[in-house]
Amino acid sequence: MKKLSAISLTGWALLALFSSWTAQAESPANSTLVTIQDAWARPSNPGSKVGAAYMTLTSSKEASLVEATANVSDSVEIHSMSMENGVMKMRMLESLDLSAGKPYKLSPGGFHLMLFDLKKPLRVGDSVNFVLTFKLANKSLVKQNVKASVKDAPAAGH
């Protein structure tokens, strides 16, 4: 009789664990926070150790992009680019605020991700795997993976 009780307890424990895992997997916190579209990176110039990547981010909630990492570089920074008195200026941002439902286009000549200390040149046809970290209003962090194709850039821009 004691064996049956021990087996029953183990079964119930496993069922409880499975139920907990299933609930976590289906919870809103684990659903996609940000829809990421049109992710691409430009090929790097010969000998260059920097690259740039672009995409469109649409968050389902108020959030901020606070960090990015990539498998092809040692560091990634969020940058903005603007024209001031006829001079193109680029600056690093600590974060990029995303309003719920509003698409933010990271594109040449505007917001973008800069990849520093490339491990190898980026060539057309390669891909870059990013992990983007978003911070919600409640300060919780959500990580999302995105794959960007390396392709030729439009004629104008960064």
Protein backbone atom coordinates (compact mmCIF):
# COMPACT_ATOMS: atom_id res chain seq x y z
CA MET A 1 0.00 0.00 0.00
CA LYS A 2 2.87 2.37 0.76
CA LYS A 3 4.30 1.80 -2.74
CA LEU A 4 1.02 2.85 -4.30
CA SER A 5 0.98 6.04 -2.20
CA ALA A 6 4.54 6.91 -3.24
CA ILE A 7 3.73 6.30 -6.90
CA SER A 8 0.54 8.34 -6.62
CA LEU A 9 2.42 11.21 -4.99
CA THR A 10 5.07 11.13 -7.73
CA GLY A 11 2.36 11.10 -10.39
CA TRP A 12 0.56 14.05 -8.80
CA ALA A 13 3.84 15.95 -8.47
CA LEU A 14 4.63 15.37 -12.15
CA LEU A 15 1.11 16.40 -13.14
CA ALA A 16 1.40 19.59 -11.07
CA LEU A 17 4.80 20.35 -12.61
CA PHE A 18 3.48 19.76 -16.16
CA SER A 19 0.42 21.94 -15.47
CA SER A 20 2.65 24.73 -14.15
CA TRP A 21 4.93 24.51 -17.21
CA THR A 22 1.95 24.54 -19.59
CA ALA A 23 0.47 27.58 -17.85
CA GLN A 24 3.80 29.44 -18.15
CA ALA A 25 4.14 28.58 -21.83
CA GLU A 26 0.67 29.97 -22.57
CA SER A 27 0.84 33.03 -20.29
CA PRO A 28 0.76 36.50 -21.87
CA ALA A 29 4.24 37.23 -20.48
CA ASN A 30 5.66 34.58 -22.80
CA SER A 31 3.69 35.57 -25.89
CA THR A 32 5.33 37.76 -28.53
CA LEU A 33 5.70 41.25 -27.15
CA VAL A 34 7.16 42.82 -30.29
CA THR A 35 6.41 41.90 -33.88
CA ILE A 36 9.66 42.14 -35.84
CA GLN A 37 9.45 42.48 -39.62
CA ASP A 38 11.80 43.02 -42.54
CA ALA A 39 15.00 42.33 -40.55
CA TRP A 40 18.12 42.74 -42.66
CA ALA A 41 21.76 43.71 -42.38
CA ARG A 42 23.93 45.29 -44.98
CA PRO A 43 27.11 43.60 -46.19
CA SER A 44 30.21 44.98 -44.50
CA ASN A 45 32.90 46.81 -46.42
CA PRO A 46 36.17 44.91 -46.99
CA GLY A 47 38.36 45.19 -43.88
CA SER A 48 35.63 46.88 -41.85
CA LYS A 49 34.85 45.59 -38.36
CA VAL A 50 31.45 47.31 -38.17
CA GLY A 51 28.06 46.55 -39.65
CA ALA A 52 24.50 47.85 -39.51
CA ALA A 53 21.12 46.16 -39.25
CA TYR A 54 17.57 47.32 -39.77
CA MET A 55 14.04 46.09 -39.06
CA THR A 56 10.57 47.28 -38.14
CA LEU A 57 9.49 46.85 -34.49
CA THR A 58 5.85 46.99 -33.42
CA SER A 59 5.21 46.44 -29.72
CA SER A 60 1.90 45.22 -28.34
CA LYS A 61 2.57 47.18 -25.10
CA GLU A 62 4.54 50.24 -24.04
CA ALA A 63 8.14 48.99 -23.98
CA SER A 64 11.73 49.98 -24.68
CA LEU A 65 14.43 48.22 -26.65
CA VAL A 66 17.26 48.25 -24.10
CA GLU A 67 19.81 45.78 -25.45
CA ALA A 68 20.76 43.79 -28.52
CA THR A 69 23.32 41.06 -29.07
CA ALA A 70 24.33 39.32 -32.29
CA ASN A 71 26.14 36.09 -33.06
CA VAL A 72 28.43 37.85 -35.56
CA SER A 73 29.81 40.67 -33.40
CA ASP A 74 31.19 41.37 -29.96
CA SER A 75 28.79 44.24 -29.29
CA VAL A 76 25.66 45.85 -30.69
CA GLU A 77 24.51 49.41 -30.05
CA ILE A 78 21.20 51.14 -30.72
CA HIS A 79 21.91 54.25 -32.81
CA SER A 80 20.08 57.23 -34.22
CA MET A 81 21.17 59.22 -37.21
CA SER A 82 20.11 62.77 -38.01
CA MET A 83 21.08 65.70 -40.18
CA GLU A 84 22.25 68.81 -38.26
CA ASN A 85 23.40 71.90 -40.15
CA GLY A 86 24.14 69.82 -43.22
CA VAL A 87 26.17 67.27 -41.23
CA MET A 88 25.03 63.71 -40.67
CA LYS A 89 25.33 62.87 -36.95
CA MET A 90 25.10 59.46 -35.40
CA ARG A 91 24.71 58.83 -31.67
CA MET A 92 24.30 55.84 -29.42
CA LEU A 93 21.02 55.50 -27.52
CA GLU A 94 20.64 53.79 -24.15
CA SER A 95 17.19 52.62 -25.25
CA LEU A 96 14.54 53.07 -27.91
CA ASP A 97 11.04 53.68 -26.55
CA LEU A 98 8.24 51.86 -28.36
CA SER A 99 4.63 53.02 -28.09
CA ALA A 100 2.02 50.25 -28.17
CA GLY A 101 0.80 49.56 -31.70
CA LYS A 102 3.11 52.09 -33.41
CA PRO A 103 5.66 50.65 -35.87
CA TYR A 104 9.25 51.89 -35.45
CA LYS A 105 11.28 51.48 -38.59
CA LEU A 106 14.99 51.01 -38.10
CA SER A 107 16.30 52.04 -41.51
CA PRO A 108 19.30 53.58 -43.28
CA GLY A 109 19.59 57.25 -42.32
CA GLY A 110 17.54 56.82 -39.09
CA PHE A 111 17.42 54.46 -36.15
CA HIS A 112 19.52 51.31 -36.62
CA LEU A 113 21.60 48.69 -34.85
CA MET A 114 25.38 49.05 -35.14
CA LEU A 115 27.41 45.86 -34.93
CA PHE A 116 30.95 46.39 -33.62
CA ASP A 117 33.98 44.08 -33.80
CA LEU A 118 32.55 41.78 -36.44
CA LYS A 119 33.89 38.25 -36.12
CA LYS A 120 33.94 37.92 -39.92
CA PRO A 121 32.79 40.07 -42.85
CA LEU A 122 29.06 40.14 -43.54
CA ARG A 123 28.36 38.90 -47.06
CA VAL A 124 25.15 38.84 -49.09
CA GLY A 125 23.33 35.59 -48.30
CA ASP A 126 24.66 35.35 -44.72
CA SER A 127 22.32 35.74 -41.79
CA VAL A 128 22.67 37.40 -38.38
CA ASN A 129 20.97 36.04 -35.28
CA PHE A 130 19.97 38.76 -32.83
CA VAL A 131 18.63 38.59 -29.30
CA LEU A 132 16.70 41.79 -28.56
CA THR A 133 15.88 42.70 -24.95
CA PHE A 134 12.82 44.82 -24.23
CA LYS A 135 11.88 46.43 -20.93
CA LEU A 136 8.20 46.75 -20.02
CA ALA A 137 6.64 49.52 -17.93
CA ASN A 138 6.70 47.18 -14.90
CA LYS A 139 10.51 46.89 -15.38
CA SER A 140 10.38 43.22 -16.42
CA LEU A 141 12.64 42.20 -19.30
CA VAL A 142 11.56 40.18 -22.33
CA LYS A 143 14.04 38.69 -24.81
CA GLN A 144 13.16 37.92 -28.43
CA ASN A 145 15.18 36.24 -31.15
CA VAL A 146 15.25 37.52 -34.70
CA LYS A 147 17.18 36.42 -37.78
CA ALA A 148 18.26 39.09 -40.25
CA SER A 149 19.34 38.31 -43.81
CA VAL A 150 22.40 40.08 -45.15
CA LYS A 151 21.45 41.78 -48.39
CA ASP A 152 22.44 44.72 -50.54
CA ALA A 153 21.32 48.08 -49.20
CA PRO A 154 19.24 50.64 -51.05
CA ALA A 155 21.34 53.21 -52.95
CA ALA A 156 20.97 56.00 -50.33
CA GLY A 157 21.45 56.01 -46.56
CA HIS A 158 23.73 54.54 -43.89
